[in-house]
Amino acid sequence: MKIKISELKANPFKQYINAGKIDENRLEILKESIDHGTLPEHFTARKYNNSYQITSGHHRIEALKQVKGSGYSVDVTLVDFTDEQMLVDMVRENITQRDTDFHDTAESIDLARHWLQSNAQTVNQFNSLSKRGKVEGRGNVGPDSYRSIAGFLSKYGKAVSYVTVKKYLDIKDKLPEDIYNSIERKDHATNEHDSKDKETIGITEAYAIANATDNEDEQRKLIDALKESREQYWNNQKGFLTQYKEASDEVKQKVLSGEIDIADIDNENLNQDIKNFNDKNPRSEFIPNFAGRIKQFNKDVFELEKQVKAFGAVFKSSQFIQRYDSLKPKQQKDLQSVIFDIKNRIKKCYDEVDFFISKLPMLEE
């Protein structure tokens, strides 16, 4: 059915997400979608007193209101939702939507936790308990609680994984507020992170830091180490943080003090293992996690082969010369640099492996 925007009200639980406010940056993007005719204009709502409460889509409604006016009518499917279903639907929407702010998602999952902790049956009862401080705030939550929250959010339809719940609540619970507030807004699907922005950290980095140490001072020093590292990409940094967690106290201190780049922690761990081995006191096997390293090496080679194949499809194309000539001089130079960089990196790896072989005692057949 068609309902005017002026008759649509917010989900009663929206007030607990970003204090009920709309993200202006996200709003501008949605308004551009309206201009392009790509913004969905269908909503789900329940009838409540003399108006209708939407389950989700608050940013879309506001964008339509600003562009087309409050008298504009949109398609609405009416549902007979309880207060609990209204909460679950909104939270699940925030988890699954690609353009949802990280903090909105984390607050949504935290809201579900508070609802379960409160034992409230209605939104009015929950509001009353919240005003009286009867709902627990931040705090560490055990795995059983994570599973309970995931099960609750999966109660009325689409499943929400335990891993997702754990990820957001670990970040929210284990990081101090200043670090938590510096986590950037990020696309859920791609986890892209602008490595050049040194004022923010990505979700993947934040999660890895939260699980690397519980010490707040150490967490801050780790962030500084990541920001000062020559490797400014989150997919690399996640691996560095995993290696940091498994490192000896001596190696960790070198990273935190800035004595070594966190990008070099793998080599430092290996050097430490060699030293320990020579001292007849190995921390682990001579080459730690050898099987895992070989597996990662094979994966990296496979990815490289795919990239070379992709390049090959372009270079072998009959239109290559025309396409190359159409590039601007700087683009041509960048392409040449990429190709030579690949060549030099492969040669360096080959030379290193050749060196390793020369150091090994050759066994007679």
Protein backbone atom coordinates (compact mmCIF):
# COMPACT_ATOMS: atom_id res chain seq x y z
CA MET A 1 0.00 0.00 0.00
CA LYS A 2 1.02 3.64 -0.49
CA ILE A 3 1.65 5.75 2.62
CA LYS A 4 2.85 9.35 2.89
CA ILE A 5 6.28 9.84 4.44
CA SER A 6 4.73 12.21 6.99
CA GLU A 7 2.77 9.26 8.43
CA LEU A 8 5.87 7.07 8.88
CA LYS A 9 7.64 7.18 12.24
CA ALA A 10 10.96 5.71 13.37
CA ASN A 11 11.43 2.26 14.84
CA PRO A 12 10.99 2.80 18.63
CA PHE A 13 14.48 1.34 19.19
CA LYS A 14 16.17 3.73 16.74
CA GLN A 15 16.75 6.18 19.61
CA TYR A 16 19.41 3.81 20.96
CA ILE A 17 21.47 3.83 17.74
CA ASN A 18 23.65 6.94 17.38
CA ALA A 19 21.17 8.66 19.74
CA GLY A 20 18.56 8.40 17.00
CA LYS A 21 20.54 10.71 14.70
CA ILE A 22 21.00 10.34 10.95
CA ASP A 23 24.49 10.12 9.42
CA GLU A 24 24.79 13.13 7.11
CA ASN A 25 27.47 11.63 4.85
CA ARG A 26 25.42 8.51 4.26
CA LEU A 27 22.35 10.68 3.69
CA GLU A 28 24.06 12.63 0.89
CA ILE A 29 25.02 9.39 -0.87
CA LEU A 30 21.42 8.16 -0.71
CA LYS A 31 20.13 11.49 -2.06
CA GLU A 32 22.40 11.03 -5.06
CA SER A 33 20.86 7.57 -5.55
CA ILE A 34 17.43 9.20 -5.73
CA ASP A 35 18.67 11.49 -8.50
CA HIS A 36 19.89 8.40 -10.38
CA GLY A 37 16.61 6.55 -9.77
CA THR A 38 18.32 3.67 -7.93
CA LEU A 39 17.07 4.12 -4.36
CA PRO A 40 14.55 1.45 -3.27
CA GLU A 41 11.27 3.05 -2.15
CA HIS A 42 9.73 0.04 -0.43
CA PHE A 43 9.51 -0.22 3.36
CA THR A 44 8.14 -2.50 6.06
CA ALA A 45 6.13 -0.99 8.91
CA ARG A 46 3.63 -1.80 11.63
CA LYS A 47 0.54 0.22 12.44
CA TYR A 48 0.96 1.90 15.81
CA ASN A 49 -1.71 4.21 17.25
CA ASN A 50 -2.47 6.74 14.49
CA SER A 51 0.77 6.33 12.57
CA TYR A 52 3.12 3.68 11.19
CA GLN A 53 6.50 2.68 12.59
CA ILE A 54 9.04 1.51 10.03
CA THR A 55 11.17 -1.50 10.95
CA SER A 56 14.28 -0.16 9.21
CA GLY A 57 15.37 2.15 6.36
CA HIS A 58 15.54 5.37 8.39
CA HIS A 59 18.24 6.91 6.22
CA ARG A 60 16.34 6.11 3.02
CA ILE A 61 13.15 7.66 4.40
CA GLU A 62 14.99 10.83 5.43
CA ALA A 63 16.67 11.09 2.03
CA LEU A 64 13.32 10.75 0.24
CA LYS A 65 11.76 13.28 2.60
CA GLN A 66 14.46 15.87 1.89
CA VAL A 67 14.38 15.36 -1.87
CA LYS A 68 10.68 14.68 -2.56
CA GLY A 69 8.96 16.14 0.50
CA SER A 70 7.02 14.69 3.45
CA GLY A 71 3.86 14.42 1.32
CA TYR A 72 5.52 11.93 -1.03
CA SER A 73 4.06 8.39 -0.86
CA VAL A 74 6.14 5.21 -0.75
CA ASP A 75 5.29 1.52 -0.92
CA VAL A 76 4.83 -0.03 2.51
CA THR A 77 4.21 -3.62 3.52
CA LEU A 78 2.36 -3.82 6.83
CA VAL A 79 3.49 -6.39 9.39
CA ASP A 80 2.11 -7.37 12.77
CA PHE A 81 5.37 -7.13 14.67
CA THR A 82 5.88 -7.24 18.43
CA ASP A 83 8.34 -4.84 20.02
CA GLU A 84 10.92 -7.63 20.09
CA GLN A 85 10.48 -8.30 16.39
CA MET A 86 10.88 -4.59 15.67
CA LEU A 87 14.22 -4.64 17.50
CA VAL A 88 15.47 -7.81 15.80
CA ASP A 89 14.52 -6.61 12.31
CA MET A 90 16.31 -3.27 12.76
CA VAL A 91 19.46 -4.86 14.21
CA ARG A 92 19.61 -7.51 11.51
CA GLU A 93 19.20 -4.85 8.82
CA ASN A 94 22.14 -2.89 10.25
CA ILE A 95 24.28 -6.03 10.26
CA THR A 96 23.53 -7.03 6.67
CA GLN A 97 23.46 -3.65 4.91
CA ARG A 98 26.70 -2.75 3.13
CA ASP A 99 26.53 0.99 3.78
CA THR A 100 25.77 0.85 7.51
CA ASP A 101 28.21 2.67 9.75
CA PHE A 102 30.39 0.35 11.84
CA HIS A 103 29.39 2.12 15.04
CA ASP A 104 25.68 1.77 14.19
CA THR A 105 26.17 -1.97 13.73
CA ALA A 106 28.13 -2.36 16.96
CA GLU A 107 25.53 -0.35 18.90
CA SER A 108 22.75 -2.42 17.34
CA ILE A 109 24.28 -5.72 18.50
CA ASP A 110 24.96 -4.17 21.90
CA LEU A 111 21.31 -3.10 22.03
CA ALA A 112 20.25 -6.71 21.46
CA ARG A 113 22.51 -7.77 24.32
CA HIS A 114 20.97 -5.16 26.63
CA TRP A 115 17.46 -6.25 25.66
CA LEU A 116 18.27 -9.82 26.66
CA GLN A 117 19.94 -8.69 29.87
CA SER A 118 16.96 -6.55 30.83
CA ASN A 119 14.32 -9.30 30.44
CA ALA A 120 12.00 -6.55 29.18
CA GLN A 121 8.88 -7.59 27.27
CA THR A 122 7.97 -4.24 25.69
CA VAL A 123 9.84 -1.20 24.43
CA ASN A 124 8.21 0.98 27.10
CA GLN A 125 9.43 -1.36 29.81
CA PHE A 126 12.93 -1.35 28.27
CA ASN A 127 12.91 2.48 28.11
CA SER A 128 11.95 2.65 31.78
CA LEU A 129 14.69 0.22 32.81
CA SER A 130 17.26 2.13 30.73
CA LYS A 131 16.35 5.47 32.31
CA ARG A 132 16.76 3.94 35.77
CA GLY A 133 20.12 2.41 34.85
CA LYS A 134 18.81 -1.12 35.18
CA VAL A 135 20.33 -2.25 31.87
CA GLU A 136 24.00 -3.27 31.97
CA GLY A 137 26.50 -1.22 30.01
CA ARG A 138 29.82 -2.17 28.47
CA GLY A 139 31.48 -5.26 29.83
CA ASN A 140 33.17 -8.47 28.73
CA VAL A 141 30.79 -11.17 27.61
CA GLY A 142 31.59 -14.87 27.48
CA PRO A 143 31.17 -17.11 24.41
CA ASP A 144 27.88 -18.54 25.68
CA SER A 145 26.38 -15.05 25.72
CA TYR A 146 27.63 -14.37 22.21
CA ARG A 147 25.85 -17.49 21.02
CA SER A 148 22.70 -16.46 22.86
CA ILE A 149 22.69 -13.08 21.14
CA ALA A 150 23.33 -14.66 17.72
CA GLY A 151 20.50 -17.14 18.34
CA PHE A 152 18.17 -14.34 19.42
CA LEU A 153 18.92 -12.27 16.30
CA SER A 154 18.33 -15.36 14.14
CA LYS A 155 15.00 -16.02 15.84
CA TYR A 156 12.61 -14.60 13.24
CA GLY A 157 14.30 -15.29 9.93
CA LYS A 158 17.77 -14.65 8.47
CA ALA A 159 20.56 -16.17 10.52
CA VAL A 160 23.16 -14.00 12.23
CA SER A 161 26.43 -15.76 12.91
CA TYR A 162 28.10 -16.10 16.30
CA VAL A 163 31.35 -14.90 14.64
CA THR A 164 29.73 -11.59 13.62
CA VAL A 165 28.37 -10.99 17.11
CA LYS A 166 31.69 -11.86 18.73
CA LYS A 167 33.63 -9.61 16.35
CA TYR A 168 31.62 -6.46 17.06
CA LEU A 169 31.24 -7.01 20.80
CA ASP A 170 34.91 -7.92 21.25
CA ILE A 171 35.84 -4.63 19.62
CA LYS A 172 33.29 -2.69 21.66
CA ASP A 173 34.17 -4.36 24.97
CA LYS A 174 37.93 -4.82 24.76
CA LEU A 175 39.09 -1.49 23.31
CA PRO A 176 39.19 1.79 25.27
CA GLU A 177 36.71 4.43 24.17
CA ASP A 178 39.21 6.66 22.34
CA ILE A 179 40.41 3.76 20.16
CA TYR A 180 36.85 2.53 19.61
CA ASN A 181 35.78 6.00 18.47
CA SER A 182 38.66 6.15 15.97
CA ILE A 183 37.43 3.09 14.06
CA GLU A 184 36.43 4.23 10.60
CA ARG A 185 33.18 3.72 8.81
CA LYS A 186 33.78 0.78 6.50
CA ASP A 187 32.04 -1.34 3.92
CA HIS A 188 31.05 -4.69 5.53
CA ALA A 189 31.49 -6.70 2.35
CA THR A 190 34.92 -5.53 1.21
CA ASN A 191 36.45 -4.35 4.50
CA GLU A 192 38.30 -1.72 2.50
CA HIS A 193 40.40 0.61 4.59
CA ASP A 194 42.04 3.82 3.47
CA SER A 195 45.54 3.11 4.73
CA LYS A 196 46.59 6.71 4.15
CA ASP A 197 44.22 8.00 6.81
CA LYS A 198 46.31 7.88 9.96
CA GLU A 199 43.52 9.23 12.16
CA THR A 200 41.42 6.07 11.84
CA ILE A 201 41.86 2.32 12.04
CA GLY A 202 39.93 -0.37 10.20
CA ILE A 203 37.53 -2.92 11.68
CA THR A 204 39.83 -5.86 10.92
CA GLU A 205 42.76 -4.12 12.59
CA ALA A 206 40.62 -3.17 15.59
CA TYR A 207 39.45 -6.76 16.04
CA ALA A 208 43.02 -8.09 15.78
CA ILE A 209 44.25 -5.52 18.32
CA ALA A 210 41.41 -6.35 20.71
CA ASN A 211 42.43 -10.01 20.61
CA ALA A 212 46.19 -9.40 20.67
CA THR A 213 46.24 -7.88 24.16
CA ASP A 214 43.90 -6.65 26.92
CA ASN A 215 46.35 -3.96 28.03
CA GLU A 216 45.10 -0.53 26.91
CA ASP A 217 48.55 1.08 26.86
CA GLU A 218 49.87 -1.82 24.77
CA GLN A 219 46.89 -1.47 22.39
CA ARG A 220 47.69 2.21 21.83
CA LYS A 221 51.36 1.45 21.17
CA LEU A 222 50.33 -1.27 18.72
CA ILE A 223 48.20 1.22 16.79
CA ASP A 224 51.17 3.60 16.65
CA ALA A 225 53.34 0.73 15.38
CA LEU A 226 50.82 -0.04 12.62
CA LYS A 227 50.53 3.60 11.59
CA GLU A 228 54.31 4.00 11.42
CA SER A 229 54.83 0.75 9.55
CA ARG A 230 55.92 0.81 5.91
CA GLU A 231 53.12 -1.71 5.24
CA GLN A 232 49.95 0.36 5.44
CA TYR A 233 47.45 -2.27 4.28
CA TRP A 234 44.98 -3.89 6.67
CA ASN A 235 45.29 -7.40 5.16
CA ASN A 236 49.03 -7.35 5.91
CA GLN A 237 48.54 -5.76 9.32
CA LYS A 238 46.12 -8.46 10.43
CA GLY A 239 48.90 -11.01 9.87
CA PHE A 240 51.41 -8.85 11.72
CA LEU A 241 49.10 -8.67 14.73
CA THR A 242 48.63 -12.45 14.73
CA GLN A 243 52.41 -12.88 14.69
CA TYR A 244 52.73 -10.24 17.41
CA LYS A 245 50.35 -12.16 19.67
CA GLU A 246 52.48 -15.30 19.30
CA ALA A 247 55.82 -13.50 19.69
CA SER A 248 58.08 -13.59 22.72
CA ASP A 249 57.99 -10.73 25.22
CA GLU A 250 61.39 -9.60 23.94
CA VAL A 251 60.15 -9.29 20.35
CA LYS A 252 56.93 -7.58 21.46
CA GLN A 253 58.94 -4.98 23.33
CA LYS A 254 61.02 -4.26 20.23
CA VAL A 255 57.84 -3.62 18.25
CA LEU A 256 56.25 -1.42 20.92
CA SER A 257 59.40 0.64 21.40
CA GLY A 258 59.79 1.18 17.67
CA GLU A 259 63.11 -0.68 17.56
CA ILE A 260 61.75 -2.83 14.72
CA ASP A 261 58.98 -2.26 12.17
CA ILE A 262 56.00 -4.49 12.92
CA ALA A 263 56.23 -5.56 9.25
CA ASP A 264 59.52 -7.30 10.18
CA ILE A 265 58.08 -9.23 13.10
CA ASP A 266 58.05 -12.54 11.20
CA ASN A 267 61.80 -12.31 10.56
CA GLU A 268 62.39 -11.20 14.16
CA ASN A 269 60.42 -14.21 15.43
CA LEU A 270 62.52 -16.48 13.23
CA ASN A 271 65.74 -14.85 14.46
CA GLN A 272 64.55 -15.36 18.02
CA ASP A 273 63.84 -19.03 17.30
CA ILE A 274 67.31 -19.50 15.83
CA LYS A 275 68.87 -17.84 18.87
CA ASN A 276 66.84 -20.03 21.21
CA PHE A 277 67.74 -23.09 19.20
CA ASN A 278 71.42 -22.23 19.47
CA ASP A 279 70.92 -21.75 23.20
CA LYS A 280 69.41 -25.26 23.31
CA ASN A 281 66.17 -23.72 24.45
CA PRO A 282 63.88 -23.43 21.41
CA ARG A 283 60.63 -21.52 21.86
CA SER A 284 59.08 -23.72 19.18
CA GLU A 285 60.20 -25.80 16.22
CA PHE A 286 63.17 -24.46 14.25
CA ILE A 287 60.90 -22.88 11.62
CA PRO A 288 57.68 -22.14 13.53
CA ASN A 289 54.41 -23.13 11.88
CA PHE A 290 56.29 -24.55 8.89
CA ALA A 291 53.23 -26.28 7.43
CA GLY A 292 51.17 -23.11 7.76
CA ARG A 293 53.89 -21.06 6.08
CA ILE A 294 54.08 -23.48 3.15
CA LYS A 295 50.30 -23.35 2.83
CA GLN A 296 50.36 -19.53 2.79
CA PHE A 297 53.26 -19.59 0.31
CA ASN A 298 51.28 -21.84 -2.03
CA LYS A 299 48.28 -19.54 -1.70
CA ASP A 300 50.41 -16.47 -2.51
CA VAL A 301 51.89 -18.20 -5.55
CA PHE A 302 48.38 -19.15 -6.70
CA GLU A 303 47.24 -15.53 -6.36
CA LEU A 304 50.31 -14.36 -8.27
CA GLU A 305 49.57 -16.85 -11.05
CA LYS A 306 46.03 -15.49 -11.28
CA GLN A 307 47.32 -11.92 -11.51
CA VAL A 308 49.85 -12.85 -14.20
CA LYS A 309 47.09 -14.65 -16.11
CA ALA A 310 44.91 -11.55 -15.88
CA PHE A 311 47.76 -9.38 -17.15
CA GLY A 312 48.38 -11.93 -19.89
CA ALA A 313 44.83 -11.64 -21.16
CA VAL A 314 45.40 -7.92 -21.63
CA PHE A 315 48.87 -8.12 -23.16
CA LYS A 316 47.90 -10.90 -25.58
CA SER A 317 44.86 -9.00 -26.75
CA SER A 318 44.92 -7.91 -30.40
CA GLN A 319 43.81 -4.46 -29.25
CA PHE A 320 46.65 -4.08 -26.74
CA ILE A 321 48.64 -1.48 -28.70
CA GLN A 322 45.58 0.68 -29.32
CA ARG A 323 44.54 0.45 -25.67
CA TYR A 324 48.08 1.19 -24.48
CA ASP A 325 48.38 4.19 -26.79
CA SER A 326 45.11 5.55 -25.41
CA LEU A 327 46.63 5.84 -21.94
CA LYS A 328 48.04 9.10 -20.69
CA PRO A 329 51.87 9.21 -20.28
CA LYS A 330 51.61 8.93 -16.50
CA GLN A 331 49.28 5.92 -16.80
CA GLN A 332 51.72 4.25 -19.21
CA LYS A 333 54.56 4.89 -16.77
CA ASP A 334 52.51 3.49 -13.85
CA LEU A 335 51.73 0.33 -15.84
CA GLN A 336 55.41 -0.15 -16.68
CA SER A 337 56.33 0.34 -13.01
CA VAL A 338 53.81 -2.31 -11.91
CA ILE A 339 55.15 -4.86 -14.41
CA PHE A 340 58.79 -4.21 -13.51
CA ASP A 341 57.88 -4.35 -9.82
CA ILE A 342 56.37 -7.81 -10.29
CA LYS A 343 59.43 -8.93 -12.24
CA ASN A 344 61.86 -7.64 -9.58
CA ARG A 345 59.89 -9.19 -6.71
CA ILE A 346 59.81 -12.57 -8.45
CA LYS A 347 63.55 -12.36 -9.17
CA LYS A 348 64.26 -11.42 -5.55
CA CYS A 349 62.24 -14.40 -4.29
CA TYR A 350 64.02 -16.72 -6.75
CA ASP A 351 67.43 -15.44 -5.64
CA GLU A 352 66.47 -15.93 -1.98
CA VAL A 353 65.32 -19.52 -2.57
CA ASP A 354 68.52 -20.16 -4.54
CA PHE A 355 70.47 -18.86 -1.54
CA PHE A 356 68.54 -21.13 0.86
CA ILE A 357 69.37 -24.13 -1.31
CA SER A 358 73.05 -23.21 -1.33
CA LYS A 359 73.03 -23.27 2.50
CA LEU A 360 71.43 -26.67 2.79
CA PRO A 361 73.65 -29.74 2.99
CA MET A 362 72.89 -31.64 -0.22
CA LEU A 363 71.85 -35.20 0.54
CA GLU A 364 73.24 -37.92 -1.69
CA GLU A 365 70.64 -40.00 -3.48
